[in-house]
Amino acid sequence: MALFSYTQFTTTVATGPNSNFTDPLPLHFVHHLSKRVDAIPLLFIHGWPGSFMEVGNIINGLVNPPNKSSPAFHVVAPSIRGFAFSPAPKKPGFGPREAGHTLNSLMQQLNYTRYVIQGGDFGGCILRYMAGDYPSSAVSVLDNF
């Protein structure tokens, strides 16, 4: 079995003006860029008790599809707060809606003003809030809850 190498980063994001949770938050994420100019930004939100590693087996196919007729993606796979390398919030009030605000802030920070989202399990709960709160940014969602 081959070991996959993730391109990983950390940053600090805010939940944004729509949230009551105003503390800046450290966030870990994986970011793989396609070389295709028509690549679509894809936010991949893991489930519970999962992690960003859920996307490992499919990143290469998303970033470098086997043929030009298949869509290519710039993949962003964050660690939800309290999972893997994103520390848990230290005060109450951080739930799936706040996680959505945080992940939208991450996508904006990466200069992805419009993107698609895939979420499973708990990630599916988060993307539902994101779709409602950011309809001009979250242009399509796939919820495999």
C-alpha atoms as a PDB file:
ATOM      1  CA  MET A   1       0.000   0.000   0.000  1.00  0.00           C
ATOM      2  CA  ALA A   2       1.428   3.379  -1.039  1.00  0.00           C
ATOM      3  CA  LEU A   3       1.549   6.168   1.522  1.00  0.00           C
ATOM      4  CA  PHE A   4      -0.115   9.384   0.352  1.00  0.00           C
ATOM      5  CA  SER A   5       1.644  12.688   0.956  1.00  0.00           C
ATOM      6  CA  TYR A   6      -0.622  15.567   1.976  1.00  0.00           C
ATOM      7  CA  THR A   7       0.197  19.221   1.334  1.00  0.00           C
ATOM      8  CA  GLN A   8      -0.802  20.663   4.719  1.00  0.00           C
ATOM      9  CA  PHE A   9      -1.132  24.133   6.182  1.00  0.00           C
ATOM     10  CA  THR A  10      -2.344  25.954   9.268  1.00  0.00           C
ATOM     11  CA  THR A  11      -3.867  29.407   9.477  1.00  0.00           C
ATOM     12  CA  THR A  12      -6.053  31.510  11.733  1.00  0.00           C
ATOM     13  CA  VAL A  13      -9.577  32.366  10.621  1.00  0.00           C
ATOM     14  CA  ALA A  14     -12.568  34.166  12.068  1.00  0.00           C
ATOM     15  CA  THR A  15     -16.119  32.891  12.102  1.00  0.00           C
ATOM     16  CA  GLY A  16     -17.240  36.104  10.438  1.00  0.00           C
ATOM     17  CA  PRO A  17     -19.805  38.794  11.162  1.00  0.00           C
ATOM     18  CA  ASN A  18     -22.761  36.353  11.121  1.00  0.00           C
ATOM     19  CA  SER A  19     -21.595  34.464  14.214  1.00  0.00           C
ATOM     20  CA  ASN A  20     -21.766  35.068  17.950  1.00  0.00           C
ATOM     21  CA  PHE A  21     -18.469  33.163  18.307  1.00  0.00           C
ATOM     22  CA  THR A  22     -15.953  35.915  17.582  1.00  0.00           C
ATOM     23  CA  ASP A  23     -12.583  34.502  18.683  1.00  0.00           C
ATOM     24  CA  PRO A  24      -9.950  33.980  15.968  1.00  0.00           C
ATOM     25  CA  LEU A  25      -9.529  30.240  15.441  1.00  0.00           C
ATOM     26  CA  PRO A  26      -6.494  28.184  14.421  1.00  0.00           C
ATOM     27  CA  LEU A  27      -7.325  25.795  11.593  1.00  0.00           C
ATOM     28  CA  HIS A  28      -5.434  22.963   9.889  1.00  0.00           C
ATOM     29  CA  PHE A  29      -6.167  22.099   6.266  1.00  0.00           C
ATOM     30  CA  VAL A  30      -4.914  20.188   3.265  1.00  0.00           C
ATOM     31  CA  HIS A  31      -4.719  22.113  -0.025  1.00  0.00           C
ATOM     32  CA  HIS A  32      -3.922  20.451  -3.344  1.00  0.00           C
ATOM     33  CA  LEU A  33      -3.981  22.530  -6.520  1.00  0.00           C
ATOM     34  CA  SER A  34      -4.791  21.268  -9.983  1.00  0.00           C
ATOM     35  CA  LYS A  35      -2.687  22.475 -12.899  1.00  0.00           C
ATOM     36  CA  ARG A  36      -5.835  22.867 -14.986  1.00  0.00           C
ATOM     37  CA  VAL A  37      -6.969  26.463 -15.504  1.00  0.00           C
ATOM     38  CA  ASP A  38     -10.619  25.363 -15.377  1.00  0.00           C
ATOM     39  CA  ALA A  39     -10.259  23.629 -12.000  1.00  0.00           C
ATOM     40  CA  ILE A  40     -13.139  24.097  -9.555  1.00  0.00           C
ATOM     41  CA  PRO A  41     -12.458  24.845  -5.856  1.00  0.00           C
ATOM     42  CA  LEU A  42     -13.788  21.922  -3.773  1.00  0.00           C
ATOM     43  CA  LEU A  43     -14.215  22.093  -0.003  1.00  0.00           C
ATOM     44  CA  PHE A  44     -14.143  18.521   1.342  1.00  0.00           C
ATOM     45  CA  ILE A  45     -15.590  18.372   4.886  1.00  0.00           C
ATOM     46  CA  HIS A  46     -14.936  15.143   6.753  1.00  0.00           C
ATOM     47  CA  GLY A  47     -17.342  13.374   9.072  1.00  0.00           C
ATOM     48  CA  TRP A  48     -17.244  12.107  12.634  1.00  0.00           C
ATOM     49  CA  PRO A  49     -15.073  10.454  13.862  1.00  0.00           C
ATOM     50  CA  GLY A  50     -13.092  11.062  10.680  1.00  0.00           C
ATOM     51  CA  SER A  51     -10.449  13.496   9.558  1.00  0.00           C
ATOM     52  CA  PHE A  52      -9.013  15.207   6.503  1.00  0.00           C
ATOM     53  CA  MET A  53      -7.438  11.841   5.657  1.00  0.00           C
ATOM     54  CA  GLU A  54     -10.813  10.667   4.282  1.00  0.00           C
ATOM     55  CA  VAL A  55      -9.972  12.468   1.026  1.00  0.00           C
ATOM     56  CA  GLY A  56      -6.533  10.846   0.642  1.00  0.00           C
ATOM     57  CA  ASN A  57      -7.568   8.047  -1.690  1.00  0.00           C
ATOM     58  CA  ILE A  58      -9.334  10.364  -4.124  1.00  0.00           C
ATOM     59  CA  ILE A  59      -7.287  13.592  -4.136  1.00  0.00           C
ATOM     60  CA  ASN A  60      -5.134  12.632  -7.093  1.00  0.00           C
ATOM     61  CA  GLY A  61      -8.162  11.737  -9.233  1.00  0.00           C
ATOM     62  CA  LEU A  62      -9.827  15.028  -8.325  1.00  0.00           C
ATOM     63  CA  VAL A  63      -6.770  17.191  -8.932  1.00  0.00           C
ATOM     64  CA  ASN A  64      -5.512  15.254 -11.976  1.00  0.00           C
ATOM     65  CA  PRO A  65      -8.506  13.572 -13.632  1.00  0.00           C
ATOM     66  CA  PRO A  66      -7.699  10.814 -16.139  1.00  0.00           C
ATOM     67  CA  ASN A  67      -9.030  12.759 -19.127  1.00  0.00           C
ATOM     68  CA  LYS A  68      -9.748  16.355 -20.096  1.00  0.00           C
ATOM     69  CA  SER A  69     -13.493  15.819 -20.304  1.00  0.00           C
ATOM     70  CA  SER A  70     -13.643  15.139 -16.539  1.00  0.00           C
ATOM     71  CA  PRO A  71     -13.729  18.134 -14.201  1.00  0.00           C
ATOM     72  CA  ALA A  72     -10.614  18.982 -12.194  1.00  0.00           C
ATOM     73  CA  PHE A  73     -10.636  20.406  -8.672  1.00  0.00           C
ATOM     74  CA  HIS A  74      -8.500  22.435  -6.314  1.00  0.00           C
ATOM     75  CA  VAL A  75      -9.094  20.392  -3.132  1.00  0.00           C
ATOM     76  CA  VAL A  76      -9.315  22.005   0.313  1.00  0.00           C
ATOM     77  CA  ALA A  77      -9.805  19.494   3.134  1.00  0.00           C
ATOM     78  CA  PRO A  78      -9.809  21.126   6.576  1.00  0.00           C
ATOM     79  CA  SER A  79      -9.750  19.507   9.970  1.00  0.00           C
ATOM     80  CA  ILE A  80     -12.994  20.526  11.655  1.00  0.00           C
ATOM     81  CA  ARG A  81     -12.299  22.282  14.975  1.00  0.00           C
ATOM     82  CA  GLY A  82     -11.602  19.626  17.603  1.00  0.00           C
ATOM     83  CA  PHE A  83     -10.506  17.003  15.052  1.00  0.00           C
ATOM     84  CA  ALA A  84      -6.986  15.993  13.958  1.00  0.00           C
ATOM     85  CA  PHE A  85      -4.755  19.083  13.924  1.00  0.00           C
ATOM     86  CA  SER A  86      -7.379  21.823  14.499  1.00  0.00           C
ATOM     87  CA  PRO A  87      -7.653  22.438  18.257  1.00  0.00           C
ATOM     88  CA  ALA A  88     -11.036  22.312  19.937  1.00  0.00           C
ATOM     89  CA  PRO A  89     -12.677  25.601  20.906  1.00  0.00           C
ATOM     90  CA  LYS A  90     -11.975  26.586  24.513  1.00  0.00           C
ATOM     91  CA  LYS A  91     -15.356  28.137  25.223  1.00  0.00           C
ATOM     92  CA  PRO A  92     -18.972  27.162  24.509  1.00  0.00           C
ATOM     93  CA  GLY A  93     -20.930  28.291  21.494  1.00  0.00           C
ATOM     94  CA  PHE A  94     -19.044  26.646  18.628  1.00  0.00           C
ATOM     95  CA  GLY A  95     -21.340  24.339  16.671  1.00  0.00           C
ATOM     96  CA  PRO A  96     -21.939  23.299  13.065  1.00  0.00           C
ATOM     97  CA  ARG A  97     -23.094  26.756  11.963  1.00  0.00           C
ATOM     98  CA  GLU A  98     -19.949  28.367  13.432  1.00  0.00           C
ATOM     99  CA  ALA A  99     -17.858  25.648  11.764  1.00  0.00           C
ATOM    100  CA  GLY A 100     -19.499  26.653   8.478  1.00  0.00           C
ATOM    101  CA  HIS A 101     -18.633  30.311   9.058  1.00  0.00           C
ATOM    102  CA  THR A 102     -15.047  29.264   9.789  1.00  0.00           C
ATOM    103  CA  LEU A 103     -14.749  27.132   6.664  1.00  0.00           C
ATOM    104  CA  ASN A 104     -16.226  29.864   4.469  1.00  0.00           C
ATOM    105  CA  SER A 105     -13.653  32.252   5.952  1.00  0.00           C
ATOM    106  CA  LEU A 106     -10.927  29.755   5.042  1.00  0.00           C
ATOM    107  CA  MET A 107     -12.153  29.540   1.444  1.00  0.00           C
ATOM    108  CA  GLN A 108     -12.287  33.351   1.206  1.00  0.00           C
ATOM    109  CA  GLN A 109      -8.760  33.548   2.654  1.00  0.00           C
ATOM    110  CA  LEU A 110      -7.639  31.192  -0.146  1.00  0.00           C
ATOM    111  CA  ASN A 111      -9.319  33.524  -2.676  1.00  0.00           C
ATOM    112  CA  TYR A 112     -12.060  31.034  -3.519  1.00  0.00           C
ATOM    113  CA  THR A 113     -15.134  33.260  -3.631  1.00  0.00           C
ATOM    114  CA  ARG A 114     -17.220  30.526  -5.322  1.00  0.00           C
ATOM    115  CA  TYR A 115     -16.749  26.848  -4.581  1.00  0.00           C
ATOM    116  CA  VAL A 116     -18.448  23.461  -4.315  1.00  0.00           C
ATOM    117  CA  ILE A 117     -18.717  21.463  -1.097  1.00  0.00           C
ATOM    118  CA  GLN A 118     -18.726  17.753  -0.336  1.00  0.00           C
ATOM    119  CA  GLY A 119     -19.562  16.678   3.188  1.00  0.00           C
ATOM    120  CA  GLY A 120     -20.167  13.399   4.912  1.00  0.00           C
ATOM    121  CA  ASP A 121     -21.715  12.683   8.290  1.00  0.00           C
ATOM    122  CA  PHE A 122     -20.988  15.725  10.510  1.00  0.00           C
ATOM    123  CA  GLY A 123     -19.526  17.473   7.443  1.00  0.00           C
ATOM    124  CA  GLY A 124     -22.955  17.097   5.852  1.00  0.00           C
ATOM    125  CA  CYS A 125     -24.516  18.977   8.779  1.00  0.00           C
ATOM    126  CA  ILE A 126     -21.964  21.772   8.397  1.00  0.00           C
ATOM    127  CA  LEU A 127     -22.460  22.130   4.637  1.00  0.00           C
ATOM    128  CA  ARG A 128     -26.221  22.536   5.106  1.00  0.00           C
ATOM    129  CA  TYR A 129     -25.592  25.653   7.177  1.00  0.00           C
ATOM    130  CA  MET A 130     -23.002  26.874   4.680  1.00  0.00           C
ATOM    131  CA  ALA A 131     -25.395  26.444   1.746  1.00  0.00           C
ATOM    132  CA  GLY A 132     -28.011  28.563   3.535  1.00  0.00           C
ATOM    133  CA  ASP A 133     -25.637  31.164   4.941  1.00  0.00           C
ATOM    134  CA  TYR A 134     -23.432  31.578   1.838  1.00  0.00           C
ATOM    135  CA  PRO A 135     -25.557  30.857  -1.256  1.00  0.00           C
ATOM    136  CA  SER A 136     -23.437  33.045  -3.532  1.00  0.00           C
ATOM    137  CA  SER A 137     -20.235  31.237  -2.467  1.00  0.00           C
ATOM    138  CA  ALA A 138     -21.397  27.633  -2.005  1.00  0.00           C
ATOM    139  CA  VAL A 139     -22.629  27.130  -5.561  1.00  0.00           C
ATOM    140  CA  SER A 140     -23.187  23.368  -5.264  1.00  0.00           C
ATOM    141  CA  VAL A 141     -23.162  20.825  -2.449  1.00  0.00           C
ATOM    142  CA  LEU A 142     -23.032  17.052  -2.177  1.00  0.00           C
ATOM    143  CA  ASP A 143     -24.200  15.735   1.177  1.00  0.00           C
ATOM    144  CA  ASN A 144     -23.487  12.032   1.624  1.00  0.00           C
ATOM    145  CA  PHE A 145     -24.703  11.886   5.228  1.00  0.00           C
END
